[in-house]
Amino acid sequence: MSATEAVSVRVLDREYTVGVTPDERDSLMAAAKLLDTRMREIRGANRMAAVDRIAILAALNLAHELQLLGEGQSHGSREVSDSVAALHRKLDVLDAEQR
């Protein structure tokens, strides 16, 4: 089991310390940068919005994008499975014709 290290990230001008394994550090930093960017975009549209509201809206947007990605992958997997099944049927027909 890898030891965790404390990593500080800044999101919307606030600093947070998170414990991560060394191999997760770069991913965490990238995620924090993405979250900071999204929160700044939302805050830019409404400077009076509370930080917790901005965070919830950013989280909802990111969760929605993640959900769409997952649906796209499952749709793609289904298409691949259907194509493989069709190829198996064609091979079965060819095999039967050669016998």
C-alpha atoms as a PDB file:
ATOM      1  CA  MET A   1       0.000   0.000   0.000  1.00  0.00           C
ATOM      2  CA  SER A   2       1.430   3.394  -0.993  1.00  0.00           C
ATOM      3  CA  ALA A   3       1.836   6.129   1.579  1.00  0.00           C
ATOM      4  CA  THR A   4      -0.179   9.268   1.083  1.00  0.00           C
ATOM      5  CA  GLU A   5       1.265  12.722   0.849  1.00  0.00           C
ATOM      6  CA  ALA A   6      -0.392  16.049   1.576  1.00  0.00           C
ATOM      7  CA  VAL A   7      -0.973  18.105  -1.549  1.00  0.00           C
ATOM      8  CA  SER A   8      -2.316  21.651  -1.530  1.00  0.00           C
ATOM      9  CA  VAL A   9      -4.595  22.794  -4.325  1.00  0.00           C
ATOM     10  CA  ARG A  10      -6.227  26.158  -4.938  1.00  0.00           C
ATOM     11  CA  VAL A  11      -9.811  26.283  -6.072  1.00  0.00           C
ATOM     12  CA  LEU A  12     -11.517  29.634  -6.490  1.00  0.00           C
ATOM     13  CA  ASP A  13      -8.854  31.416  -4.436  1.00  0.00           C
ATOM     14  CA  ARG A  14      -9.156  28.992  -1.517  1.00  0.00           C
ATOM     15  CA  GLU A  15      -6.517  26.499  -0.554  1.00  0.00           C
ATOM     16  CA  TYR A  16      -7.350  22.884   0.255  1.00  0.00           C
ATOM     17  CA  THR A  17      -5.024  20.135   1.430  1.00  0.00           C
ATOM     18  CA  VAL A  18      -5.751  16.633   0.185  1.00  0.00           C
ATOM     19  CA  GLY A  19      -3.999  13.361   0.937  1.00  0.00           C
ATOM     20  CA  VAL A  20      -3.105  11.366  -2.171  1.00  0.00           C
ATOM     21  CA  THR A  21      -0.666   8.690  -3.201  1.00  0.00           C
ATOM     22  CA  PRO A  22       2.297   9.943  -5.242  1.00  0.00           C
ATOM     23  CA  ASP A  23       0.936   8.351  -8.440  1.00  0.00           C
ATOM     24  CA  GLU A  24      -2.389  10.226  -8.012  1.00  0.00           C
ATOM     25  CA  ARG A  25      -0.782  13.651  -7.519  1.00  0.00           C
ATOM     26  CA  ASP A  26      -0.777  14.788 -11.150  1.00  0.00           C
ATOM     27  CA  SER A  27      -4.332  13.629 -11.679  1.00  0.00           C
ATOM     28  CA  LEU A  28      -5.487  15.498  -8.570  1.00  0.00           C
ATOM     29  CA  MET A  29      -3.740  18.664  -9.720  1.00  0.00           C
ATOM     30  CA  ALA A  30      -5.399  18.419 -13.133  1.00  0.00           C
ATOM     31  CA  ALA A  31      -8.806  17.811 -11.536  1.00  0.00           C
ATOM     32  CA  ALA A  32      -8.364  20.812  -9.242  1.00  0.00           C
ATOM     33  CA  LYS A  33      -7.414  22.995 -12.206  1.00  0.00           C
ATOM     34  CA  LEU A  34     -10.480  21.820 -14.143  1.00  0.00           C
ATOM     35  CA  LEU A  35     -12.749  22.469 -11.153  1.00  0.00           C
ATOM     36  CA  ASP A  36     -11.213  25.906 -10.595  1.00  0.00           C
ATOM     37  CA  THR A  37     -11.772  26.803 -14.255  1.00  0.00           C
ATOM     38  CA  ARG A  38     -15.400  25.663 -14.190  1.00  0.00           C
ATOM     39  CA  MET A  39     -16.120  27.464 -10.941  1.00  0.00           C
ATOM     40  CA  ARG A  40     -14.569  30.665 -12.284  1.00  0.00           C
ATOM     41  CA  GLU A  41     -16.726  30.411 -15.415  1.00  0.00           C
ATOM     42  CA  ILE A  42     -19.861  30.065 -13.290  1.00  0.00           C
ATOM     43  CA  ARG A  43     -18.795  32.856 -10.925  1.00  0.00           C
ATOM     44  CA  GLY A  44     -18.081  35.085 -13.931  1.00  0.00           C
ATOM     45  CA  ALA A  45     -21.719  34.839 -14.957  1.00  0.00           C
ATOM     46  CA  ASN A  46     -22.910  35.877 -11.494  1.00  0.00           C
ATOM     47  CA  ARG A  47     -20.394  37.575  -9.177  1.00  0.00           C
ATOM     48  CA  MET A  48     -22.958  37.587  -6.346  1.00  0.00           C
ATOM     49  CA  ALA A  49     -23.420  33.805  -6.226  1.00  0.00           C
ATOM     50  CA  ALA A  50     -22.325  32.091  -3.017  1.00  0.00           C
ATOM     51  CA  VAL A  51     -19.281  29.816  -3.232  1.00  0.00           C
ATOM     52  CA  ASP A  52     -21.306  26.747  -2.201  1.00  0.00           C
ATOM     53  CA  ARG A  53     -23.812  27.410  -5.009  1.00  0.00           C
ATOM     54  CA  ILE A  54     -20.974  27.803  -7.515  1.00  0.00           C
ATOM     55  CA  ALA A  55     -19.446  24.529  -6.292  1.00  0.00           C
ATOM     56  CA  ILE A  56     -22.756  22.657  -6.622  1.00  0.00           C
ATOM     57  CA  LEU A  57     -23.356  23.987 -10.132  1.00  0.00           C
ATOM     58  CA  ALA A  58     -19.808  23.064 -11.194  1.00  0.00           C
ATOM     59  CA  ALA A  59     -20.194  19.589  -9.674  1.00  0.00           C
ATOM     60  CA  LEU A  60     -23.528  19.074 -11.439  1.00  0.00           C
ATOM     61  CA  ASN A  61     -22.044  20.152 -14.775  1.00  0.00           C
ATOM     62  CA  LEU A  62     -19.045  17.828 -14.381  1.00  0.00           C
ATOM     63  CA  ALA A  63     -21.239  14.925 -13.211  1.00  0.00           C
ATOM     64  CA  HIS A  64     -23.520  15.430 -16.213  1.00  0.00           C
ATOM     65  CA  GLU A  65     -20.544  15.373 -18.592  1.00  0.00           C
ATOM     66  CA  LEU A  66     -19.252  12.216 -16.905  1.00  0.00           C
ATOM     67  CA  GLN A  67     -22.656  10.589 -17.243  1.00  0.00           C
ATOM     68  CA  LEU A  68     -22.809  11.463 -20.942  1.00  0.00           C
ATOM     69  CA  LEU A  69     -19.325  10.022 -21.452  1.00  0.00           C
ATOM     70  CA  GLY A  70     -20.353   6.802 -19.717  1.00  0.00           C
ATOM     71  CA  GLU A  71     -23.484   6.521 -21.835  1.00  0.00           C
ATOM     72  CA  GLY A  72     -21.414   7.107 -24.971  1.00  0.00           C
ATOM     73  CA  GLN A  73     -18.965   4.376 -23.996  1.00  0.00           C
ATOM     74  CA  SER A  74     -21.717   1.886 -23.218  1.00  0.00           C
ATOM     75  CA  HIS A  75     -23.367   2.740 -26.543  1.00  0.00           C
ATOM     76  CA  GLY A  76     -20.025   2.218 -28.309  1.00  0.00           C
ATOM     77  CA  SER A  77     -19.481  -1.076 -26.477  1.00  0.00           C
ATOM     78  CA  ARG A  78     -22.934  -2.224 -27.546  1.00  0.00           C
ATOM     79  CA  GLU A  79     -22.124  -1.387 -31.182  1.00  0.00           C
ATOM     80  CA  VAL A  80     -18.856  -3.322 -30.980  1.00  0.00           C
ATOM     81  CA  SER A  81     -20.642  -6.308 -29.426  1.00  0.00           C
ATOM     82  CA  ASP A  82     -23.286  -6.227 -32.158  1.00  0.00           C
ATOM     83  CA  SER A  83     -20.599  -6.060 -34.858  1.00  0.00           C
ATOM     84  CA  VAL A  84     -18.671  -8.963 -33.333  1.00  0.00           C
ATOM     85  CA  ALA A  85     -21.879 -11.009 -33.102  1.00  0.00           C
ATOM     86  CA  ALA A  86     -22.642 -10.258 -36.771  1.00  0.00           C
ATOM     87  CA  LEU A  87     -19.127 -11.366 -37.758  1.00  0.00           C
ATOM     88  CA  HIS A  88     -19.551 -14.596 -35.792  1.00  0.00           C
ATOM     89  CA  ARG A  89     -22.811 -15.301 -37.624  1.00  0.00           C
ATOM     90  CA  LYS A  90     -21.116 -14.717 -40.983  1.00  0.00           C
ATOM     91  CA  LEU A  91     -18.252 -17.010 -40.004  1.00  0.00           C
ATOM     92  CA  ASP A  92     -20.731 -19.683 -38.937  1.00  0.00           C
ATOM     93  CA  VAL A  93     -22.472 -19.435 -42.327  1.00  0.00           C
ATOM     94  CA  LEU A  94     -19.142 -19.672 -44.176  1.00  0.00           C
ATOM     95  CA  ASP A  95     -18.089 -22.606 -42.031  1.00  0.00           C
ATOM     96  CA  ALA A  96     -21.395 -24.384 -42.697  1.00  0.00           C
ATOM     97  CA  GLU A  97     -21.067 -23.778 -46.472  1.00  0.00           C
ATOM     98  CA  GLN A  98     -17.550 -25.254 -46.540  1.00  0.00           C
ATOM     99  CA  ARG A  99     -18.637 -28.505 -44.871  1.00  0.00           C
END
